[in-house]
Amino acid sequence: MRKQETELFTPAEAAVLSRLSLKAVNNAIDKKTVTARRTRAGRLLDEPALVYLSLERQLAGDTTPEFRRRLFAEIAAEPRRRVVSVGALKVDIGESRREVMERLKQLRRAERLVTVNPEIMGGNPVFRGTRVPVHQVAELLAKGETVERLCEDYPRVSEEMIRLAPIYAAAHPLRGRPRKQPWHGWKPVATWSIPIRDLK
């Protein structure tokens, strides 16, 4: 019988799935509250770590670091249990697991709606069948633009695509500095000055 391969997640994906900040996820890894696997791709987390991180969102201020490490160890030891015990305390992890799995479904759906092709928009992620950059839509939503307005502005992009854009953008942040535009550094062809009094 073949052993099922464990799915692993980047810290950015873990932050989206657990609803913690990326800084909090990296902090949990750095303090060894959760165990990350080190690979060529970087530090990766498994499903028990995601369930624990989802719980940490609720427990961080009320528990000690030692308790949190023991809680993660219990979750990792038997990841399918609904209730884990740490000393005399029993913790129900079923709801946290359901939340993580629901967010994972949304993330996987968002990933299916997005394509990355070096020939389209310079390799930036765009919605499948369009040239609309996912990160641009997520940024517009973060600035307060409404889903309805974006549907009007981008008729080839569905409402579902727009709603899932922030999840995809957070899980797959753009890397590096923004690319320079081809005209960057060009000297203007012509310049002229207009006196302020003529602008009235």
Foldseek 3Di string as FASTA:
>chain_A
DDDDDFDKADLLLLCLLLVHDSVVSVVCPVVVLDDFDQDPVGTIDTLLSSLLSNVCVVCVVPDDSVQSSQVSVQCVVPVPDQWGDDPPDIDGSPVSSVSSVVSVVLQVVLVVQWDFDCVAPNRAIDGPPDNHHLVVLLVVVVVPDDLVVVCVVPVVADSSNSVSSVSNCSRDPDDDDDDDDPCPPPDDPDDDDDDPVVVD
